[in-house]
Protein backbone atom coordinates (compact mmCIF):
# COMPACT_ATOMS: atom_id res chain seq x y z
CA MET A 1 -25.26 28.43 -72.56
CA TYR A 2 -26.97 25.05 -73.09
CA ARG A 3 -24.52 23.37 -70.83
CA ARG A 4 -25.20 25.94 -68.10
CA ALA A 5 -28.96 25.42 -68.42
CA LEU A 6 -28.58 21.64 -68.30
CA ARG A 7 -26.54 21.86 -65.11
CA SER A 8 -29.15 24.15 -63.54
CA PHE A 9 -31.91 21.73 -64.40
CA CYS A 10 -30.11 18.75 -63.04
CA SER A 11 -29.39 20.62 -59.82
CA GLY A 12 -32.99 21.68 -59.56
CA SER A 13 -34.14 18.13 -60.24
CA ARG A 14 -31.99 16.76 -57.45
CA LEU A 15 -33.31 19.36 -55.00
CA TRP A 16 -36.88 18.64 -56.05
CA LEU A 17 -36.39 14.90 -55.69
CA PHE A 18 -34.89 15.33 -52.16
CA THR A 19 -37.82 17.57 -51.16
CA LEU A 20 -40.31 15.04 -52.48
CA LEU A 21 -38.70 12.20 -50.59
CA CYS A 22 -38.67 14.19 -47.37
CA ALA A 23 -42.30 15.19 -47.78
CA GLY A 24 -43.33 11.61 -48.42
CA THR A 25 -41.40 10.16 -45.49
CA SER A 26 -42.38 10.50 -41.82
CA PHE A 27 -39.96 10.35 -38.84
CA PRO A 28 -42.03 9.57 -35.69
CA LEU A 29 -39.29 10.66 -33.20
CA GLY A 30 -40.79 11.87 -29.93
CA ALA A 31 -39.22 13.06 -26.68
CA GLU A 32 -39.49 9.60 -25.17
CA ASP A 33 -37.46 8.20 -28.07
CA VAL A 34 -34.72 10.81 -27.68
CA LEU A 35 -34.26 9.83 -24.06
CA GLN A 36 -33.96 6.11 -24.75
CA PRO A 37 -30.54 4.85 -23.59
CA GLU A 38 -29.81 2.85 -26.72
CA ILE A 39 -29.65 5.97 -28.91
CA LEU A 40 -27.65 8.11 -26.52
CA SER A 41 -24.25 9.07 -27.86
CA PRO A 42 -21.22 7.30 -26.33
CA GLY A 43 -20.09 10.58 -24.82
CA SER A 44 -23.26 11.12 -22.77
CA PRO A 45 -22.37 11.30 -19.08
CA GLU A 46 -25.26 9.25 -17.69
CA GLU A 47 -28.62 7.68 -18.27
CA PRO A 48 -31.82 9.44 -17.11
CA ASP A 49 -32.16 7.22 -14.02
CA GLY A 50 -28.66 8.09 -12.81
CA LYS A 51 -26.98 4.86 -13.90
CA PRO A 52 -23.60 5.51 -15.56
CA ILE A 53 -22.96 4.46 -19.13
CA GLU A 54 -20.79 1.34 -19.36
CA ALA A 55 -17.21 1.82 -20.55
CA ARG A 56 -16.51 0.60 -24.07
CA TYR A 57 -12.75 0.20 -23.58
CA LEU A 58 -11.32 1.74 -20.39
CA SER A 59 -12.29 3.55 -17.17
CA ILE A 60 -9.97 6.25 -15.83
CA ARG A 61 -10.69 7.31 -12.27
CA PRO A 62 -8.88 10.34 -10.85
CA GLY A 63 -9.91 11.27 -7.35
CA ILE A 64 -8.98 11.92 -3.75
CA GLY A 65 -9.02 9.51 -0.86
CA VAL A 66 -7.71 8.47 2.52
CA SER A 67 -5.14 5.67 2.35
CA ASN A 68 -4.04 3.50 5.28
CA LEU A 69 -1.00 1.45 4.24
CA SER A 70 0.99 -0.57 6.78
CA ILE A 71 3.92 -2.99 6.69
CA LYS A 72 4.43 -5.56 9.44
CA VAL A 73 7.95 -6.98 9.76
CA ARG A 74 8.70 -10.18 11.68
CA ASP A 75 12.22 -11.43 12.30
CA GLY A 76 13.47 -14.98 12.69
CA SER A 77 13.08 -14.94 16.46
CA GLY A 78 9.37 -14.11 16.23
CA GLN A 79 9.70 -10.44 17.26
CA SER A 80 7.62 -8.10 15.09
CA THR A 81 7.20 -4.42 14.42
CA GLN A 82 4.73 -2.48 12.30
CA LEU A 83 5.11 0.76 10.36
CA ARG A 84 2.25 2.66 8.76
CA ALA A 85 1.78 5.73 6.62
CA ASP A 86 0.15 8.73 8.24
CA ARG A 87 -3.53 9.03 7.34
CA ALA A 88 -4.00 11.94 4.95
CA VAL A 89 -6.05 12.88 1.92
CA TRP A 90 -4.04 12.21 -1.24
CA PRO A 91 -4.80 12.50 -4.97
CA PHE A 92 -4.45 9.29 -6.95
CA LEU A 93 -5.34 7.66 -10.24
CA ASP A 94 -6.79 4.19 -10.84
CA LEU A 95 -7.39 2.43 -14.16
CA SER A 96 -9.76 -0.41 -14.95
CA THR A 97 -10.79 -2.26 -18.08
CA ARG A 98 -14.32 -2.35 -19.39
CA ASP A 99 -16.82 -4.65 -17.64
CA TRP A 100 -17.33 -8.05 -19.20
CA LYS A 101 -20.86 -8.96 -18.16
CA PHE A 102 -21.91 -12.51 -17.33
CA ASN A 103 -25.50 -11.37 -16.85
CA SER A 104 -27.37 -8.27 -15.66
CA TRP A 105 -26.00 -8.47 -12.11
CA SER A 106 -22.44 -9.90 -12.33
CA GLY A 107 -19.27 -9.55 -14.37
CA PHE A 108 -15.49 -9.32 -14.50
CA ASN A 109 -12.89 -6.56 -14.95
CA VAL A 110 -9.20 -5.83 -14.31
CA TRP A 111 -7.93 -3.09 -11.96
CA LEU A 112 -4.56 -1.29 -11.91
CA HIS A 113 -3.45 0.59 -8.79
CA ALA A 114 -0.25 2.45 -7.85
CA GLU A 115 0.58 4.10 -4.54
CA ARG A 116 3.63 5.84 -3.07
CA PHE A 117 4.03 5.83 0.71
CA GLU A 118 6.14 7.30 3.48
CA MET A 119 5.89 5.59 6.86
CA LYS A 120 6.91 7.54 9.94
CA THR A 121 4.70 5.97 12.60
CA GLN A 122 5.86 2.73 14.20
CA SER A 123 4.35 0.43 16.79
CA ILE A 124 6.09 -2.32 18.74
CA PRO A 125 4.15 -5.07 20.58
CA LEU A 126 5.16 -5.03 24.22
CA GLY A 127 3.04 -8.02 25.24
CA SER A 128 5.96 -10.30 26.10
CA PHE A 129 7.70 -7.74 28.28
CA GLN A 130 4.51 -6.66 30.05
CA ALA A 131 3.49 -10.26 30.60
CA GLU A 132 6.67 -10.78 32.62
CA SER A 133 5.75 -7.72 34.67
CA GLY A 134 2.25 -9.05 35.34
CA SER A 135 0.37 -6.55 33.16
CA GLY A 136 -1.56 -7.06 29.93
CA GLY A 137 -0.02 -6.79 26.48
CA SER A 138 -0.44 -3.82 24.14
CA ASP A 139 1.33 -1.98 21.32
CA PHE A 140 3.68 0.91 21.95
CA GLU A 141 3.28 3.50 19.15
CA TYR A 142 5.69 6.36 18.49
CA PRO A 143 7.31 8.34 15.61
CA ALA A 144 9.94 6.20 13.89
CA SER A 145 13.55 7.42 14.00
CA LYS A 146 13.93 7.31 10.21
CA GLY A 147 10.94 5.49 8.78
CA ILE A 148 10.42 3.77 5.44
CA GLU A 149 9.69 5.12 1.95
CA GLY A 150 8.60 3.16 -1.10
CA GLU A 151 6.00 2.29 -3.74
CA TYR A 152 3.28 -0.33 -4.05
CA TYR A 153 1.81 -1.54 -7.36
CA SER A 154 -0.97 -4.05 -7.96
CA MET A 155 -3.16 -5.46 -10.74
CA HIS A 156 -6.26 -7.44 -9.85
CA GLY A 157 -8.70 -9.42 -11.93
CA THR A 158 -11.98 -9.04 -10.03
CA PHE A 159 -15.37 -10.74 -10.12
CA TYR A 160 -18.24 -8.55 -8.97
CA VAL A 161 -21.96 -8.61 -8.27
CA GLU A 162 -24.22 -5.57 -8.53
CA ALA A 163 -27.41 -4.53 -6.78
CA PRO A 164 -30.17 -2.62 -8.60
CA PHE A 165 -29.29 0.60 -6.75
CA PHE A 166 -25.75 0.86 -8.22
CA VAL A 167 -23.82 -0.88 -5.40
CA ARG A 168 -21.06 -3.24 -6.49
CA LEU A 169 -19.20 -5.81 -4.37
CA GLY A 170 -16.08 -7.36 -5.86
CA VAL A 171 -13.32 -9.81 -4.94
CA GLY A 172 -10.13 -10.37 -6.86
CA LEU A 173 -6.66 -11.88 -7.01
CA GLY A 174 -3.68 -10.66 -8.95
CA PRO A 175 0.02 -9.80 -9.02
CA ALA A 176 1.49 -7.07 -6.83
CA GLN A 177 4.98 -5.70 -6.24
CA THR A 178 6.51 -3.36 -3.70
CA ARG A 179 9.88 -1.77 -3.07
CA PHE A 180 10.90 0.23 -0.04
CA SER A 181 13.91 1.15 2.06
CA GLY A 182 14.50 2.67 5.46
CA GLU A 183 14.99 1.59 9.04
CA SER A 184 12.88 -0.49 11.38
CA GLU A 185 13.16 -1.05 15.13
CA PHE A 186 12.46 -4.14 17.21
CA PHE A 187 11.86 -4.61 20.90
CA ARG A 188 14.17 -7.55 21.58
CA LEU A 189 14.20 -9.04 25.04
CA GLY A 190 17.50 -10.74 24.30
CA LEU A 191 19.56 -7.65 25.05
CA PRO A 192 21.93 -8.03 28.01
CA PHE A 193 20.03 -5.44 30.10
CA PHE A 194 17.41 -8.13 30.69
CA TYR A 195 19.80 -10.84 31.84
CA ASN A 196 19.96 -9.75 35.46
CA ASN A 197 21.20 -13.07 36.80
CA ALA A 198 23.98 -13.52 34.24
CA THR A 199 27.52 -12.22 34.19
CA ARG A 200 28.52 -9.62 31.59
CA SER A 201 30.21 -12.25 29.40
CA GLU A 202 27.20 -14.60 29.60
CA ALA A 203 24.74 -11.78 28.84
CA LEU A 204 26.71 -10.62 25.79
CA GLU A 205 26.99 -14.20 24.52
CA LEU A 206 23.21 -14.66 24.83
CA THR A 207 22.72 -11.35 23.02
CA ARG A 208 25.00 -12.50 20.18
CA LEU A 209 23.07 -15.77 19.83
CA TRP A 210 19.76 -13.90 19.90
CA LEU A 211 20.83 -11.55 17.09
CA ILE A 212 22.08 -14.46 14.96
CA ASN A 213 18.79 -16.30 15.49
CA SER A 214 16.72 -13.23 14.62
CA GLY A 215 18.30 -12.84 11.17
CA SER A 216 19.88 -9.50 12.06
CA LEU A 217 23.31 -10.34 10.63
CA PHE A 218 24.62 -10.46 7.06
CA ARG A 219 22.35 -7.69 5.78
CA GLY A 220 24.95 -5.47 4.12
CA GLN A 221 26.83 -4.12 7.17
CA PRO A 222 29.97 -6.29 7.46
CA ILE A 223 31.74 -4.09 10.06
CA ARG A 224 28.70 -4.18 12.33
CA ASP A 225 28.38 -7.94 11.82
CA TYR A 226 32.03 -8.50 12.75
CA PHE A 227 31.74 -6.62 16.03
CA ILE A 228 28.49 -8.39 16.90
CA LEU A 229 30.05 -11.81 16.26
CA GLN A 230 32.90 -10.77 18.60
CA ILE A 231 30.62 -8.92 21.05
CA ASN A 232 31.65 -11.03 24.05
CA GLN A 233 35.35 -10.32 23.45
CA PRO A 234 37.06 -7.48 25.39
CA GLY A 235 36.70 -4.10 23.66
CA SER A 236 34.38 -5.30 20.85
CA LEU A 237 31.19 -3.77 22.30
CA GLU A 238 32.91 -0.40 22.82
CA ARG A 239 34.31 -0.42 19.27
CA LEU A 240 30.79 -1.21 18.03
CA GLY A 241 29.59 1.96 19.78
CA GLN A 242 32.36 3.94 18.07
CA TYR A 243 31.31 2.47 14.73
CA TYR A 244 27.72 3.64 15.24
CA LEU A 245 28.96 7.16 16.11
CA LEU A 246 31.18 7.32 13.02
CA ARG A 247 28.40 6.03 10.76
CA GLY A 248 26.15 9.03 11.38
CA PRO A 249 23.88 10.77 13.90
CA ILE A 250 22.55 8.48 16.60
CA GLN A 251 18.76 8.19 16.75
CA PHE A 252 17.21 7.42 20.12
CA SER A 253 13.67 6.12 20.37
CA PRO A 254 11.43 6.01 23.45
CA GLU A 255 12.22 2.41 24.31
CA ASP A 256 15.88 3.44 24.78
CA PHE A 257 14.80 5.03 28.05
CA VAL A 258 13.72 1.56 29.21
CA PHE A 259 17.22 0.29 28.43
CA TYR A 260 18.73 3.30 30.18
CA ARG A 261 16.79 2.39 33.31
CA TYR A 262 18.53 -0.98 33.37
CA ALA A 263 21.92 0.36 32.28
CA GLY A 264 21.85 3.13 34.86
CA LEU A 265 21.74 0.54 37.61
CA ASP A 266 24.47 -1.53 36.03
CA SER A 267 28.01 -0.10 36.00
CA GLN A 268 29.26 -2.89 33.72
CA TYR A 269 28.46 -0.82 30.58
CA ASN A 270 30.00 2.56 29.78
CA LEU A 271 28.43 5.21 27.55
CA LEU A 272 29.84 3.88 24.25
CA GLU A 273 28.70 0.37 25.14
CA PHE A 274 25.25 1.66 26.06
CA ILE A 275 25.00 3.42 22.67
CA ALA A 276 25.99 0.20 20.90
CA LEU A 277 23.40 -1.84 22.78
CA THR A 278 20.57 0.61 22.07
CA GLN A 279 21.38 0.61 18.34
CA LEU A 280 21.26 -3.19 18.10
CA ASN A 281 17.47 -2.93 17.86
CA ARG A 282 17.60 -1.02 14.58
CA GLU A 283 17.60 -2.82 11.26
CA LYS A 284 18.18 -1.29 7.85
CA LEU A 285 15.69 -2.59 5.29
CA LYS A 286 16.03 -2.43 1.52
CA VAL A 287 13.38 -4.56 -0.15
CA ARG A 288 12.36 -5.16 -3.74
CA SER A 289 9.81 -7.93 -3.73
CA PRO A 290 9.19 -10.43 -6.52
CA LEU A 291 5.76 -10.56 -8.12
CA LEU A 292 3.32 -11.54 -5.38
CA PHE A 293 -0.24 -12.81 -5.42
CA SER A 294 -2.40 -10.34 -3.58
CA PRO A 295 -6.12 -10.64 -2.67
CA MET A 296 -8.50 -7.68 -2.92
CA ILE A 297 -12.03 -6.86 -1.74
CA TYR A 298 -13.87 -3.69 -2.71
CA LEU A 299 -17.26 -2.07 -2.31
CA GLU A 300 -18.41 0.67 -4.71
CA TYR A 301 -21.35 2.98 -5.08
CA HIS A 302 -21.93 4.55 -8.51
CA TRP A 303 -23.99 7.67 -9.10
CA LEU A 304 -23.87 9.57 -12.38
CA PHE A 305 -20.17 10.22 -13.11
CA LEU A 306 -19.02 9.75 -9.48
CA THR A 307 -17.81 6.58 -7.74
CA PHE A 308 -17.29 6.07 -4.01
CA ARG A 309 -15.09 3.08 -3.17
CA LEU A 310 -13.78 1.16 -0.15
CA GLN A 311 -10.91 -1.18 -1.02
CA TRP A 312 -8.74 -3.62 0.95
CA SER A 313 -5.75 -5.56 -0.37
CA GLY A 314 -2.32 -6.78 0.65
CA PRO A 315 0.20 -9.59 0.04
CA ARG A 316 2.62 -11.45 2.30
CA PHE A 317 6.17 -12.47 1.44
CA SER A 318 9.55 -13.40 2.95
CA GLN A 319 12.93 -12.00 2.01
CA GLY A 320 16.35 -11.87 3.65
CA GLY A 321 15.27 -13.66 6.82
CA TYR A 322 12.28 -11.39 7.47
CA ASP A 323 8.56 -11.91 6.89
CA TYR A 324 6.60 -8.94 5.52
CA THR A 325 2.86 -8.38 5.57
CA ILE A 326 1.42 -5.44 3.60
CA ARG A 327 -2.10 -4.16 4.23
CA SER A 328 -3.62 -1.42 2.06
CA PHE A 329 -7.01 0.15 2.79
CA ASN A 330 -8.44 3.01 0.70
CA ALA A 331 -11.59 5.11 0.97
CA ALA A 332 -11.90 7.25 -2.13
CA LEU A 333 -14.22 9.51 -4.13
CA MET A 334 -13.47 9.46 -7.84
CA LEU A 335 -14.57 10.87 -11.15
CA ASN A 336 -15.50 8.06 -13.50
CA TRP A 337 -14.39 8.80 -17.06
CA ARG A 338 -15.29 6.05 -19.51
CA TRP A 339 -14.25 5.44 -23.07
């Protein structure tokens, strides 16, 4: 019984002491103090003036945006072609590190970006051909016969400056990598249809030299390469047409009608030879680039937990006798989740 009473007293004493301390202590915490940014919890979505809370570790930005990704391919002869992904609204996810501030208006962070693309629109510059005809140069755009599919990854360390109204302008440089495969087409004036003043043997020999100079050979099609190297020999051009037919369905693009116009007036080439000559413009591409240095420029506007961003980036590299230029432009609206 004494023990029970002692425990009750001690408990009562502790409660009394706590009450006394509370009564003798004041906590001057007004509404203006509650709203001060420095005592907001890390999970608060924004400050009262609309400025987002800075990330402590990482920013994750899911969103939707319009992406315009293009690949320009130039061969050894200087002829080029460009493929681009169709413009559409796609979901995506970007990651960035926390901001390391230099001062109140500038800082540094690191961005990670990944993008998958499918390119089915191709354009070929026709300036050289039209110049010979006396007209101005332009690009001829049309749906690609097969197109190109692949992925593009990049990581950029960026320096940025900020304006007081939540606008950020940044520039960066970092590694990027891409891999893609598919088929590209070139408008090559070296085809024999354009050698009007040459004999058949001379025209085919010039075509062979043109294809060697352009880097078209030795790209994983040894049977095709053999027939092209022997293209001025009797029967080789026709057997090349048979090879294209046996390889799979023949794809004709709009510029083939230009070739047909020349071939239709020239009885030196039969149907199989015409098919072979039209397919000489097509090149199979299978590219896995090394790590590249890619520049980036972006403009952002932050409001509460939303971010609107315009971004441009793209590396250049050479592989297998071809020069590639990648250009990526994104306009996106994202949720800005910070940890």
